[in-house]
Amino acid sequence: MAASGVSVAPECVQAFNELKLGKNTKWIIYKISDDWKQIVVEETSTDPDYEVFRQKLLDAKSKDRRGKEGIGGRYAVYDVQYELESGEGTRNKITFISWCPDEAPQYPRMMYSSSKEAIKRSLNGLAADIQANDADDLEYDSIVSRVSKGR
């Protein structure tokens, strides 16, 4: 359980293990439930189109404590595939992305920030960790650049 009191639903680990074991899943998007008590799977997909994935994060909504909907944060895991600069082929790295836009209301930002470590600890086998706070941080070239350098 996170310092925020948010727990990780077992389905989160199950979906991650399916991605990790190569069961065709390309990405997973997690969210904190509307009651702010549990991290749950929002969506999984086999679609390799990164722009579809990116748009889902950019369009994410969360409710604040009063129930008003606004820009929302998300956690995601994406199986990033990239070419080695040396020309020695391709590599895949399972990458954790914490999407917490600067424009999101304070309460969702605080909850996503303080619950991040709980989900990361639950997902064994992450190769990279990226904190994204604006749309540019989610650009494919930016993600590949950071992942290929081991960050």
Protein backbone atom coordinates (compact mmCIF):
# COMPACT_ATOMS: atom_id res chain seq x y z
CA MET A 1 0.00 0.00 0.00
CA ALA A 2 1.21 3.50 -0.85
CA ALA A 3 1.80 6.28 1.65
CA SER A 4 -1.40 7.78 0.21
CA GLY A 5 -3.41 4.75 1.38
CA VAL A 6 -4.01 3.60 -2.20
CA SER A 7 -3.61 -0.14 -2.80
CA VAL A 8 -2.78 -2.01 -6.02
CA ALA A 9 -5.49 -4.33 -7.37
CA PRO A 10 -4.29 -7.88 -8.20
CA GLU A 11 -5.48 -7.40 -11.81
CA CYS A 12 -2.71 -4.82 -12.27
CA VAL A 13 0.02 -7.39 -11.67
CA GLN A 14 -1.81 -10.01 -13.73
CA ALA A 15 -2.06 -7.68 -16.76
CA PHE A 16 1.62 -6.73 -16.39
CA ASN A 17 2.72 -10.37 -16.24
CA GLU A 18 0.79 -11.06 -19.45
CA LEU A 19 2.61 -8.21 -21.17
CA LYS A 20 5.97 -9.32 -19.75
CA LEU A 21 5.50 -12.93 -20.84
CA GLY A 22 4.82 -11.84 -24.41
CA LYS A 23 1.12 -12.62 -24.55
CA ASN A 24 0.57 -10.00 -27.31
CA THR A 25 -0.21 -7.08 -24.96
CA LYS A 26 1.64 -3.96 -26.13
CA TRP A 27 0.54 -1.53 -23.42
CA ILE A 28 -1.43 -1.14 -20.21
CA ILE A 29 -2.95 2.00 -18.73
CA TYR A 30 -3.66 2.07 -14.99
CA LYS A 31 -5.69 4.61 -13.06
CA ILE A 32 -6.61 5.33 -9.48
CA SER A 33 -10.25 4.40 -8.95
CA ASP A 34 -12.83 7.19 -8.62
CA ASP A 35 -12.99 6.61 -4.84
CA TRP A 36 -9.16 7.13 -4.64
CA LYS A 37 -8.64 3.80 -2.84
CA GLN A 38 -7.15 1.44 -5.43
CA ILE A 39 -5.01 1.40 -8.56
CA VAL A 40 -6.87 -0.55 -11.26
CA VAL A 41 -6.40 -1.48 -14.92
CA GLU A 42 -8.16 1.03 -17.15
CA GLU A 43 -7.22 -0.52 -20.48
CA THR A 44 -4.88 -3.01 -22.14
CA SER A 45 -4.18 -3.21 -25.85
CA THR A 46 -2.33 -5.15 -28.51
CA ASP A 47 -2.29 -2.07 -30.81
CA PRO A 48 1.36 -1.23 -31.61
CA ASP A 49 0.45 2.34 -32.71
CA TYR A 50 2.18 4.56 -30.14
CA GLU A 51 0.04 7.59 -31.06
CA VAL A 52 -3.14 5.74 -30.01
CA PHE A 53 -1.54 5.02 -26.64
CA ARG A 54 -0.24 8.59 -26.26
CA GLN A 55 -3.64 10.09 -27.06
CA LYS A 56 -5.30 7.92 -24.40
CA LEU A 57 -2.93 9.41 -21.81
CA LEU A 58 -3.44 12.97 -23.05
CA ASP A 59 -7.24 12.52 -22.91
CA ALA A 60 -7.26 11.01 -19.40
CA LYS A 61 -9.72 12.50 -16.92
CA SER A 62 -9.88 12.25 -13.12
CA LYS A 63 -12.38 13.47 -10.59
CA ASP A 64 -11.29 15.62 -7.70
CA ARG A 65 -12.55 15.03 -4.15
CA ARG A 66 -15.72 17.00 -4.92
CA GLY A 67 -16.49 14.84 -7.96
CA LYS A 68 -15.60 17.50 -10.54
CA GLU A 69 -13.96 15.98 -13.60
CA GLY A 70 -10.77 17.47 -14.98
CA ILE A 71 -7.44 16.60 -16.55
CA GLY A 72 -6.18 13.39 -15.01
CA GLY A 73 -3.03 11.45 -14.38
CA ARG A 74 -2.33 7.82 -15.24
CA TYR A 75 0.29 5.15 -14.86
CA ALA A 76 1.19 3.11 -17.90
CA VAL A 77 3.44 0.32 -19.05
CA TYR A 78 4.54 0.31 -22.69
CA ASP A 79 6.71 -2.30 -24.40
CA VAL A 80 9.08 0.09 -26.19
CA GLN A 81 10.84 -1.33 -29.24
CA TYR A 82 13.77 0.57 -30.73
CA GLU A 83 16.72 0.14 -33.07
CA LEU A 84 20.22 0.09 -31.59
CA GLU A 85 22.33 3.01 -32.81
CA SER A 86 25.14 0.62 -33.65
CA GLY A 87 22.84 -1.12 -36.14
CA GLU A 88 22.98 -4.39 -34.22
CA GLY A 89 19.23 -4.94 -34.32
CA THR A 90 16.23 -4.06 -32.19
CA ARG A 91 15.64 -4.14 -28.46
CA ASN A 92 12.53 -4.07 -26.31
CA LYS A 93 12.29 -2.47 -22.89
CA ILE A 94 9.24 -2.64 -20.68
CA THR A 95 8.83 0.96 -19.65
CA PHE A 96 6.83 2.42 -16.76
CA ILE A 97 5.38 5.86 -17.46
CA SER A 98 3.94 8.05 -14.76
CA TRP A 99 1.71 10.63 -16.49
CA CYS A 100 0.91 13.50 -14.16
CA PRO A 101 0.21 16.64 -16.22
CA ASP A 102 1.16 19.98 -14.72
CA GLU A 103 -2.32 21.31 -15.60
CA ALA A 104 -4.14 18.63 -13.56
CA PRO A 105 -5.87 19.73 -10.33
CA GLN A 106 -3.83 19.54 -7.14
CA TYR A 107 -5.54 16.53 -5.52
CA PRO A 108 -5.14 14.12 -8.47
CA ARG A 109 -1.51 15.25 -8.94
CA MET A 110 -0.79 14.63 -5.27
CA MET A 111 -2.47 11.20 -5.28
CA TYR A 112 -0.69 10.02 -8.45
CA SER A 113 2.67 11.25 -7.15
CA SER A 114 2.32 9.66 -3.72
CA SER A 115 0.98 6.32 -5.04
CA LYS A 116 3.56 5.78 -7.80
CA GLU A 117 5.99 3.70 -5.76
CA ALA A 118 3.27 1.24 -4.72
CA ILE A 119 2.51 0.21 -8.29
CA LYS A 120 6.17 0.25 -9.35
CA ARG A 121 7.03 -2.13 -6.48
CA SER A 122 4.25 -4.47 -7.61
CA LEU A 123 5.49 -4.71 -11.20
CA ASN A 124 8.67 -6.80 -11.25
CA GLY A 125 10.69 -6.55 -14.45
CA LEU A 126 10.44 -2.88 -15.42
CA ALA A 127 13.46 -1.81 -17.48
CA ALA A 128 12.87 1.95 -17.50
CA ASP A 129 10.90 4.57 -15.57
CA ILE A 130 9.72 7.82 -17.11
CA GLN A 131 8.01 10.74 -15.39
CA ALA A 132 5.93 12.70 -17.91
CA ASN A 133 4.40 16.06 -16.99
CA ASP A 134 3.55 17.56 -20.37
CA ALA A 135 2.69 16.40 -23.89
CA ASP A 136 6.29 16.76 -25.10
CA ASP A 137 7.45 14.25 -22.47
CA LEU A 138 5.15 11.70 -24.15
CA GLU A 139 6.51 12.17 -27.69
CA TYR A 140 7.69 8.82 -29.07
CA ASP A 141 11.18 10.11 -29.90
CA SER A 142 11.56 11.46 -26.36
CA ILE A 143 10.52 8.12 -24.84
CA VAL A 144 12.84 6.10 -27.11
CA SER A 145 15.72 8.49 -26.44
CA ARG A 146 15.36 8.09 -22.67
CA VAL A 147 14.74 4.32 -22.77
CA SER A 148 17.65 3.56 -25.13
CA LYS A 149 20.03 5.39 -22.81
CA GLY A 150 18.87 3.29 -19.88
CA ARG A 151 16.99 6.04 -18.00
